Amino acid sequence: MKQKLLLLLFATASFANITNIQSFEADFVQKIVDDKNKTIFYYGHIKAQRPQFALWEYKKPIIKSVYILQNEAVIVEPELEQAIVKKIGSNFDFFQLMKNAKKIAKNSYRAKFNNTNFIIKLDANKITSISYKDEFENNVTIDFSHQVENKKIDKKAFEPHIPDDYDIIRN
């Protein structure tokens, strides 16, 4: 799951214009459908920047921030008053992976990572959605709107903000 989330973070920042894109920002709706056809929606905003920085800000139905840095992910969960810090491998080259994605139809591409196929859809050279099946066999689709590429993003946006009174869990 961690690796798939990381792939999605950088897929969003790299695919629309592989050779020139330096950053990506958009609103998103994440739709998860389980094997019983139960659907959950999450709404939020993403910022991503080369080489491997991203911030997923979930706004509803829960509030949480997921910071992706070069060697770790930090998940800040205000409702639980906790932060989870996870080490991630530095061997993932997401931009290269997306660069090697194969066109499967007009405006549709497939990228494979750790035996998971990701379908990336574009419209007017902007990423409109990414979909895949997660390790629990849920169908996941992330739709993007208000996409902005190559906007200067202050690196401070990717610095996790953990209040002093939060519990910190390290994995």
Foldseek 3Di string as FASTA:
>chain_A
DVVVVQLVLVLQQAALPNPDFFKKKWKKWKWKQAPVRDIDIWTFIKIAGPPRWMWTFTDPPATWIWIIDQFWIWIQGVVQLAIEIEGDDNPDRSSVQSVPWADDDVQWTWGDDPNKIWIWGDDPSHTAWIWTQDPNRITMMMGTDPMDTPDDDDCVVRDDDRDPPGHYHYD
